[in-house]
C-alpha cells in the first residue's frame, strides 16, 4: 500500500496520523486500537512472510473484543483480495490511491450514504477530513485533526 503515501494523503484530508512504525506486533495494534479508538486500522505487508501477522492481528482484535469497533483494511505487494477475504479484513487495496479511496468509501457508508458496507458499531466521531473520517490506525494511526 505504501504506508507513507497513504498517511500523507490522509493527512492532506485533515485526518491526523499516528505511525506505529514497521514490524508492528498484533498486541501493539490491539493496544493502539484500544487507546486511540480509530474508525479504520490499515496494515501493509511487503513480504509474504509478514502476511501472517495480519491474520494474527485480526484474530487478536477479536479476542480483545475490538474487532467490531474498527474496520480493517490491508494491502501491500504480496496481498490479494482473496487473502483479505480469507482473514476477515473489511477491505483490500493494491496501492495507496486504492487504499485512500476504499477508506473514503467505508466512511461514506458509515455516514449512511451507502448501506452495503459494515460500519463500526460505536459510530463515527466526525467531523474531520473526508466528510467525517474520524481516525485511522495502521502501521499508521489516523486521528481526526480536530481532536476529540
N, C-alpha and C. Protein backbone atom coordinates (compact mmCIF):
# COMPACT_ATOMS: atom_id res chain seq x y z
N UNK A 1 0.82 -1.19 0.00
CA UNK A 1 0.00 0.00 0.00
C UNK A 1 0.86 1.25 0.00
N UNK A 2 2.00 1.20 0.63
CA UNK A 2 2.83 2.38 0.78
C UNK A 2 2.32 3.23 1.92
N UNK A 3 2.64 2.82 3.16
CA UNK A 3 2.04 3.48 4.31
C UNK A 3 2.36 4.97 4.39
N UNK A 4 3.55 5.36 3.94
CA UNK A 4 3.85 6.80 3.94
C UNK A 4 2.96 7.54 2.95
N UNK A 5 2.74 6.94 1.79
CA UNK A 5 1.87 7.57 0.78
C UNK A 5 0.45 7.67 1.28
N UNK A 6 -0.04 6.60 1.87
CA UNK A 6 -1.41 6.63 2.41
C UNK A 6 -1.49 7.67 3.51
N UNK A 7 -0.54 7.65 4.42
CA UNK A 7 -0.54 8.60 5.54
C UNK A 7 -0.51 10.04 5.07
N UNK A 8 0.30 10.33 4.08
CA UNK A 8 0.39 11.69 3.54
C UNK A 8 -0.94 12.13 2.95
N UNK A 9 -1.57 11.25 2.20
CA UNK A 9 -2.86 11.60 1.58
C UNK A 9 -3.96 11.77 2.62
N UNK A 10 -3.91 10.96 3.65
CA UNK A 10 -4.89 11.06 4.72
C UNK A 10 -4.70 12.37 5.47
N UNK A 11 -3.46 12.69 5.79
CA UNK A 11 -3.17 13.96 6.48
C UNK A 11 -3.66 15.14 5.65
N UNK A 12 -3.47 15.06 4.35
CA UNK A 12 -3.93 16.12 3.45
C UNK A 12 -5.43 16.30 3.49
N UNK A 13 -6.16 15.27 3.90
CA UNK A 13 -7.61 15.34 4.02
C UNK A 13 -8.07 15.81 5.38
N UNK A 14 -7.13 16.24 6.23
CA UNK A 14 -7.49 16.77 7.54
C UNK A 14 -7.59 15.74 8.63
N UNK A 15 -7.05 14.54 8.41
CA UNK A 15 -7.11 13.48 9.40
C UNK A 15 -5.73 13.29 10.00
N UNK A 16 -5.65 13.28 11.32
CA UNK A 16 -4.37 13.10 11.99
C UNK A 16 -3.86 11.68 11.85
N UNK A 17 -2.56 11.50 11.91
CA UNK A 17 -1.93 10.19 11.72
C UNK A 17 -0.93 9.93 12.84
N UNK A 18 -1.01 8.76 13.42
CA UNK A 18 0.00 8.28 14.35
C UNK A 18 0.59 7.03 13.71
N UNK A 19 1.85 7.06 13.41
CA UNK A 19 2.53 5.96 12.73
C UNK A 19 3.10 5.01 13.79
N UNK A 20 2.67 3.77 13.77
CA UNK A 20 3.18 2.79 14.73
C UNK A 20 4.51 2.19 14.29
N UNK A 21 4.97 2.56 13.11
CA UNK A 21 6.27 2.08 12.63
C UNK A 21 6.16 0.82 11.80
N UNK A 22 7.25 0.08 11.76
CA UNK A 22 7.29 -1.16 10.99
C UNK A 22 7.42 -2.33 11.95
N UNK A 23 7.17 -3.52 11.43
CA UNK A 23 7.24 -4.75 12.23
C UNK A 23 6.40 -4.64 13.50
N UNK A 24 5.17 -4.17 13.34
CA UNK A 24 4.27 -3.97 14.47
C UNK A 24 3.63 -5.30 14.85
N UNK A 25 3.74 -5.67 16.09
CA UNK A 25 3.18 -6.92 16.61
C UNK A 25 1.67 -6.78 16.79
N UNK A 26 0.93 -7.88 16.67
CA UNK A 26 -0.52 -7.84 16.87
C UNK A 26 -0.93 -7.21 18.20
N UNK A 27 -0.18 -7.49 19.26
CA UNK A 27 -0.53 -6.92 20.57
C UNK A 27 -0.43 -5.39 20.55
N UNK A 28 0.52 -4.88 19.80
CA UNK A 28 0.67 -3.42 19.71
C UNK A 28 -0.50 -2.80 18.96
N UNK A 29 -0.97 -3.46 17.91
CA UNK A 29 -2.16 -2.98 17.20
C UNK A 29 -3.36 -2.97 18.14
N UNK A 30 -3.53 -4.03 18.92
CA UNK A 30 -4.65 -4.10 19.87
C UNK A 30 -4.56 -2.96 20.87
N UNK A 31 -3.38 -2.73 21.42
CA UNK A 31 -3.19 -1.62 22.36
C UNK A 31 -3.55 -0.28 21.72
N UNK A 32 -3.10 -0.09 20.49
CA UNK A 32 -3.36 1.18 19.80
C UNK A 32 -4.84 1.36 19.48
N UNK A 33 -5.51 0.29 19.07
CA UNK A 33 -6.95 0.39 18.79
C UNK A 33 -7.70 0.72 20.08
N UNK A 34 -7.33 0.07 21.17
CA UNK A 34 -7.98 0.34 22.46
C UNK A 34 -7.75 1.77 22.92
N UNK A 35 -6.55 2.27 22.73
CA UNK A 35 -6.22 3.62 23.21
C UNK A 35 -6.71 4.73 22.29
N UNK A 36 -6.57 4.53 20.99
CA UNK A 36 -6.88 5.59 20.03
C UNK A 36 -8.31 5.56 19.50
N UNK A 37 -8.97 4.41 19.62
CA UNK A 37 -10.35 4.24 19.15
C UNK A 37 -10.55 4.71 17.71
N UNK A 38 -9.78 4.13 16.78
CA UNK A 38 -9.87 4.55 15.38
C UNK A 38 -11.11 3.99 14.69
N UNK A 39 -11.46 4.58 13.58
CA UNK A 39 -12.51 4.04 12.72
C UNK A 39 -11.94 2.98 11.79
N UNK A 40 -10.71 3.17 11.37
CA UNK A 40 -10.08 2.24 10.42
C UNK A 40 -8.67 1.91 10.88
N UNK A 41 -8.33 0.62 10.80
CA UNK A 41 -6.97 0.14 11.02
C UNK A 41 -6.49 -0.37 9.67
N UNK A 42 -5.32 0.08 9.25
CA UNK A 42 -4.77 -0.39 7.99
C UNK A 42 -3.40 -1.01 8.20
N UNK A 43 -3.18 -2.13 7.52
CA UNK A 43 -1.91 -2.84 7.61
C UNK A 43 -1.38 -3.10 6.21
N UNK A 44 -0.07 -3.08 6.10
CA UNK A 44 0.59 -3.32 4.83
C UNK A 44 1.69 -4.35 5.03
N UNK A 45 1.83 -5.26 4.07
CA UNK A 45 2.89 -6.26 4.12
C UNK A 45 3.76 -6.12 2.88
N UNK A 46 5.05 -6.21 3.07
CA UNK A 46 5.98 -6.15 1.94
C UNK A 46 6.40 -7.53 1.46
N UNK A 47 6.32 -8.53 2.35
CA UNK A 47 6.73 -9.89 2.02
C UNK A 47 5.63 -10.87 2.43
N UNK A 48 5.55 -12.00 1.76
CA UNK A 48 4.55 -12.99 2.12
C UNK A 48 4.75 -13.49 3.54
N UNK A 49 5.98 -13.50 4.02
CA UNK A 49 6.25 -13.98 5.38
C UNK A 49 5.65 -13.07 6.45
N UNK A 50 5.38 -11.82 6.10
CA UNK A 50 4.80 -10.90 7.09
C UNK A 50 3.27 -10.88 7.04
N UNK A 51 2.69 -11.56 6.06
CA UNK A 51 1.23 -11.56 5.95
C UNK A 51 0.56 -12.30 7.10
N UNK A 52 1.23 -13.27 7.70
CA UNK A 52 0.63 -14.00 8.82
C UNK A 52 0.32 -13.07 9.99
N UNK A 53 1.11 -12.01 10.13
CA UNK A 53 0.86 -11.06 11.20
C UNK A 53 -0.48 -10.35 11.02
N UNK A 54 -0.90 -10.15 9.78
CA UNK A 54 -2.21 -9.54 9.52
C UNK A 54 -3.33 -10.43 10.06
N UNK A 55 -3.22 -11.71 9.76
CA UNK A 55 -4.21 -12.67 10.26
C UNK A 55 -4.22 -12.69 11.78
N UNK A 56 -3.03 -12.71 12.38
CA UNK A 56 -2.90 -12.74 13.84
C UNK A 56 -3.46 -11.46 14.47
N UNK A 57 -3.28 -10.33 13.80
CA UNK A 57 -3.78 -9.06 14.33
C UNK A 57 -5.31 -9.05 14.33
N UNK A 58 -5.92 -9.51 13.26
CA UNK A 58 -7.38 -9.55 13.20
C UNK A 58 -7.92 -10.50 14.27
N UNK A 59 -7.26 -11.63 14.45
CA UNK A 59 -7.68 -12.57 15.49
C UNK A 59 -7.51 -11.94 16.88
N UNK A 60 -6.41 -11.24 17.10
CA UNK A 60 -6.15 -10.61 18.40
C UNK A 60 -7.18 -9.52 18.69
N UNK A 61 -7.58 -8.78 17.66
CA UNK A 61 -8.65 -7.78 17.85
C UNK A 61 -9.94 -8.45 18.29
N UNK A 62 -10.25 -9.58 17.69
CA UNK A 62 -11.45 -10.33 18.08
C UNK A 62 -11.37 -10.82 19.51
N UNK A 63 -10.23 -11.36 19.88
CA UNK A 63 -10.04 -11.85 21.25
C UNK A 63 -10.15 -10.74 22.28
N UNK A 64 -9.76 -9.53 21.89
CA UNK A 64 -9.82 -8.38 22.80
C UNK A 64 -11.18 -7.69 22.78
N UNK A 65 -12.10 -8.22 21.96
CA UNK A 65 -13.43 -7.61 21.87
C UNK A 65 -13.45 -6.31 21.09
N UNK A 66 -12.46 -6.10 20.23
CA UNK A 66 -12.35 -4.84 19.49
C UNK A 66 -12.63 -4.99 18.00
N UNK A 67 -12.84 -6.20 17.52
CA UNK A 67 -12.96 -6.39 16.07
C UNK A 67 -14.17 -5.67 15.48
N UNK A 68 -15.25 -5.58 16.22
CA UNK A 68 -16.45 -4.96 15.63
C UNK A 68 -16.52 -3.45 15.86
N UNK A 69 -15.44 -2.86 16.38
CA UNK A 69 -15.43 -1.40 16.55
C UNK A 69 -14.45 -0.71 15.62
N UNK A 70 -13.80 -1.47 14.74
CA UNK A 70 -12.84 -0.88 13.81
C UNK A 70 -12.91 -1.65 12.49
N UNK A 71 -12.86 -0.93 11.38
CA UNK A 71 -12.79 -1.56 10.06
C UNK A 71 -11.32 -1.79 9.76
N UNK A 72 -10.99 -2.93 9.17
CA UNK A 72 -9.61 -3.30 8.89
C UNK A 72 -9.39 -3.35 7.38
N UNK A 73 -8.40 -2.59 6.92
CA UNK A 73 -8.00 -2.61 5.52
C UNK A 73 -6.57 -3.11 5.42
N UNK A 74 -6.30 -3.88 4.36
CA UNK A 74 -4.94 -4.40 4.17
C UNK A 74 -4.49 -4.18 2.74
N UNK A 75 -3.18 -4.20 2.56
CA UNK A 75 -2.59 -4.06 1.23
C UNK A 75 -1.12 -4.38 1.29
N UNK A 76 -0.45 -4.14 0.19
CA UNK A 76 0.96 -4.43 0.08
C UNK A 76 1.21 -5.34 -1.10
N UNK A 77 2.44 -5.41 -1.52
CA UNK A 77 2.80 -6.14 -2.74
C UNK A 77 2.30 -7.58 -2.80
N UNK A 78 2.45 -8.40 -1.75
CA UNK A 78 2.02 -9.80 -1.87
C UNK A 78 0.54 -10.03 -1.53
N UNK A 79 -0.15 -9.01 -1.07
CA UNK A 79 -1.52 -9.16 -0.56
C UNK A 79 -2.53 -9.14 -1.72
N UNK A 80 -3.58 -9.95 -1.59
CA UNK A 80 -4.62 -10.02 -2.61
C UNK A 80 -6.00 -9.90 -1.97
N UNK A 81 -7.02 -9.67 -2.79
CA UNK A 81 -8.38 -9.65 -2.30
C UNK A 81 -8.75 -11.00 -1.68
N UNK A 82 -8.29 -12.06 -2.30
CA UNK A 82 -8.58 -13.40 -1.78
C UNK A 82 -8.05 -13.56 -0.35
N UNK A 83 -6.82 -13.09 -0.12
CA UNK A 83 -6.24 -13.17 1.21
C UNK A 83 -7.04 -12.31 2.19
N UNK A 84 -7.42 -11.11 1.76
CA UNK A 84 -8.22 -10.22 2.63
C UNK A 84 -9.51 -10.92 3.04
N UNK A 85 -10.17 -11.56 2.10
CA UNK A 85 -11.41 -12.28 2.40
C UNK A 85 -11.14 -13.44 3.36
N UNK A 86 -10.06 -14.14 3.12
CA UNK A 86 -9.69 -15.31 3.92
C UNK A 86 -9.46 -14.95 5.39
N UNK A 87 -8.84 -13.81 5.66
CA UNK A 87 -8.50 -13.45 7.04
C UNK A 87 -9.56 -12.56 7.71
N UNK A 88 -10.58 -12.18 6.96
CA UNK A 88 -11.65 -11.38 7.54
C UNK A 88 -11.40 -9.89 7.55
N UNK A 89 -10.53 -9.40 6.65
CA UNK A 89 -10.33 -7.96 6.53
C UNK A 89 -11.58 -7.35 5.90
N UNK A 90 -11.85 -6.10 6.20
CA UNK A 90 -13.02 -5.43 5.65
C UNK A 90 -12.80 -4.91 4.24
N UNK A 91 -11.55 -4.58 3.92
CA UNK A 91 -11.26 -4.19 2.55
C UNK A 91 -9.79 -4.38 2.23
N UNK A 92 -9.53 -4.46 0.93
CA UNK A 92 -8.19 -4.64 0.38
C UNK A 92 -7.94 -3.55 -0.64
N UNK A 93 -6.72 -3.05 -0.69
CA UNK A 93 -6.34 -2.10 -1.72
C UNK A 93 -4.95 -2.48 -2.23
N UNK A 94 -4.78 -2.47 -3.56
CA UNK A 94 -3.49 -2.85 -4.13
C UNK A 94 -2.43 -1.76 -4.07
N UNK A 95 -2.86 -0.51 -3.79
CA UNK A 95 -1.91 0.60 -3.77
C UNK A 95 -2.46 1.74 -2.91
N UNK A 96 -1.65 2.79 -2.74
CA UNK A 96 -2.02 3.91 -1.87
C UNK A 96 -3.29 4.60 -2.33
N UNK A 97 -3.41 4.85 -3.62
CA UNK A 97 -4.61 5.51 -4.13
C UNK A 97 -5.85 4.68 -3.84
N UNK A 98 -5.73 3.38 -4.07
CA UNK A 98 -6.85 2.49 -3.78
C UNK A 98 -7.19 2.44 -2.31
N UNK A 99 -6.18 2.49 -1.46
CA UNK A 99 -6.41 2.45 -0.01
C UNK A 99 -7.18 3.68 0.45
N UNK A 100 -6.79 4.84 -0.04
CA UNK A 100 -7.47 6.07 0.34
C UNK A 100 -8.91 6.04 -0.18
N UNK A 101 -9.09 5.61 -1.42
CA UNK A 101 -10.43 5.53 -1.99
C UNK A 101 -11.33 4.56 -1.26
N UNK A 102 -10.81 3.39 -0.92
CA UNK A 102 -11.60 2.41 -0.18
C UNK A 102 -11.97 2.93 1.20
N UNK A 103 -11.03 3.58 1.86
CA UNK A 103 -11.30 4.13 3.19
C UNK A 103 -12.39 5.20 3.11
N UNK A 104 -12.32 6.04 2.10
CA UNK A 104 -13.37 7.05 1.92
C UNK A 104 -14.72 6.38 1.73
N UNK A 105 -14.74 5.31 0.96
CA UNK A 105 -15.98 4.58 0.74
C UNK A 105 -16.55 3.98 2.01
N UNK A 106 -15.67 3.40 2.83
CA UNK A 106 -16.11 2.83 4.10
C UNK A 106 -16.71 3.92 4.98
N UNK A 107 -16.04 5.06 5.05
CA UNK A 107 -16.54 6.12 5.92
C UNK A 107 -17.82 6.76 5.36
N UNK A 108 -17.95 6.85 4.05
CA UNK A 108 -19.20 7.35 3.47
C UNK A 108 -20.34 6.40 3.83
N UNK A 109 -20.06 5.10 3.79
CA UNK A 109 -21.08 4.11 4.15
C UNK A 109 -21.48 4.27 5.61
N UNK A 110 -20.52 4.55 6.44
CA UNK A 110 -20.80 4.70 7.87
C UNK A 110 -21.60 5.96 8.17
N UNK A 111 -21.67 6.86 7.23
CA UNK A 111 -22.48 8.06 7.41
C UNK A 111 -23.85 7.89 6.76
N UNK A 112 -24.18 6.65 6.38
CA UNK A 112 -25.50 6.38 5.86
C UNK A 112 -25.69 6.61 4.38
N UNK A 113 -24.62 6.93 3.66
CA UNK A 113 -24.77 7.16 2.23
C UNK A 113 -24.74 5.87 1.43
N UNK A 114 -24.15 4.83 1.99
CA UNK A 114 -24.07 3.53 1.34
C UNK A 114 -24.39 2.51 2.42
N UNK A 115 -25.24 1.55 2.13
CA UNK A 115 -25.65 0.62 3.18
C UNK A 115 -25.00 -0.75 3.08
N UNK A 116 -24.21 -0.99 2.06
CA UNK A 116 -23.68 -2.33 1.85
C UNK A 116 -22.36 -2.61 2.58
N UNK A 117 -21.79 -1.63 3.25
CA UNK A 117 -20.51 -1.80 3.93
C UNK A 117 -20.72 -1.74 5.43
N UNK A 118 -20.22 -2.73 6.19
CA UNK A 118 -20.38 -2.68 7.64
C UNK A 118 -19.60 -1.52 8.25
N UNK A 119 -20.14 -0.96 9.31
CA UNK A 119 -19.50 0.18 9.97
C UNK A 119 -19.21 -0.17 11.42
N UNK A 120 -18.27 0.55 12.02
CA UNK A 120 -18.01 0.33 13.44
C UNK A 120 -19.30 0.58 14.24
N UNK A 121 -19.58 -0.25 15.20
CA UNK A 121 -20.81 -0.13 15.97
C UNK A 121 -20.87 1.12 16.83
N UNK A 122 -19.74 1.64 17.24
CA UNK A 122 -19.75 2.78 18.14
C UNK A 122 -20.04 4.08 17.41
N UNK A 123 -20.12 4.04 16.10
CA UNK A 123 -20.43 5.25 15.35
C UNK A 123 -19.19 6.06 15.04
N UNK A 124 -19.39 7.07 14.26
CA UNK A 124 -18.29 7.91 13.81
C UNK A 124 -18.20 9.15 14.68
N UNK A 125 -16.99 9.49 15.06
CA UNK A 125 -16.80 10.68 15.86
C UNK A 125 -16.86 11.95 15.04
N UNK A 126 -16.63 11.88 13.71
CA UNK A 126 -16.59 13.06 12.85
C UNK A 126 -16.60 14.35 13.68
N UNK A 127 -16.65 15.54 13.17
CA UNK A 127 -16.33 15.75 11.77
C UNK A 127 -14.88 15.45 11.53
N UNK A 128 -14.29 15.92 10.55
CA UNK A 128 -12.90 15.64 10.25
C UNK A 128 -12.76 15.67 8.76
N UNK A 129 -11.63 15.25 8.28
CA UNK A 129 -11.42 15.21 6.85
C UNK A 129 -12.35 14.20 6.21
N UNK A 130 -12.52 14.32 4.93
CA UNK A 130 -13.29 13.38 4.13
C UNK A 130 -14.72 13.27 4.60
N UNK A 131 -15.29 14.34 5.05
CA UNK A 131 -16.69 14.31 5.44
C UNK A 131 -16.95 13.44 6.64
N UNK A 132 -16.03 13.42 7.60
CA UNK A 132 -16.30 12.72 8.83
C UNK A 132 -15.39 11.57 9.14
N UNK A 133 -14.36 11.31 8.33
CA UNK A 133 -13.43 10.25 8.68
C UNK A 133 -12.73 10.68 9.95
N UNK A 134 -13.03 10.00 11.02
CA UNK A 134 -12.51 10.40 12.31
C UNK A 134 -11.08 10.00 12.52
N UNK A 135 -10.77 8.73 12.49
CA UNK A 135 -9.45 8.29 12.89
C UNK A 135 -9.12 6.97 12.25
N UNK A 136 -7.86 6.77 11.97
CA UNK A 136 -7.35 5.52 11.40
C UNK A 136 -6.20 5.01 12.24
N UNK A 137 -5.93 3.73 12.05
CA UNK A 137 -4.70 3.13 12.56
C UNK A 137 -4.13 2.30 11.43
N UNK A 138 -2.84 2.15 11.42
CA UNK A 138 -2.22 1.18 10.53
C UNK A 138 -0.89 0.93 11.15
N UNK A 139 0.07 0.67 10.37
CA UNK A 139 1.36 0.93 10.91
C UNK A 139 1.18 2.41 11.09
N UNK A 140 -0.05 2.84 10.82
CA UNK A 140 -0.47 4.23 10.97
C UNK A 140 -1.69 4.27 11.89
N UNK A 141 -1.75 5.25 12.74
CA UNK A 141 -2.96 5.52 13.50
C UNK A 141 -3.42 6.87 13.02
N UNK A 142 -4.59 6.94 12.46
CA UNK A 142 -5.11 8.20 11.94
C UNK A 142 -6.17 8.74 12.89
N UNK A 143 -6.09 10.02 13.15
CA UNK A 143 -6.98 10.64 14.12
C UNK A 143 -7.53 11.92 13.55
N UNK A 144 -8.79 12.18 13.85
CA UNK A 144 -9.47 13.41 13.45
C UNK A 144 -8.59 14.59 13.83
N UNK A 145 -8.26 15.43 12.85
CA UNK A 145 -7.39 16.57 13.10
C UNK A 145 -7.97 17.55 14.08
N UNK A 146 -9.28 17.50 14.33
CA UNK A 146 -9.94 18.44 15.23
C UNK A 146 -9.92 18.00 16.67
N UNK A 147 -9.30 16.90 16.99
CA UNK A 147 -9.27 16.43 18.37
C UNK A 147 -10.52 15.64 18.69
N UNK A 148 -10.70 15.36 19.96
CA UNK A 148 -11.84 14.52 20.36
C UNK A 148 -12.84 15.29 21.14
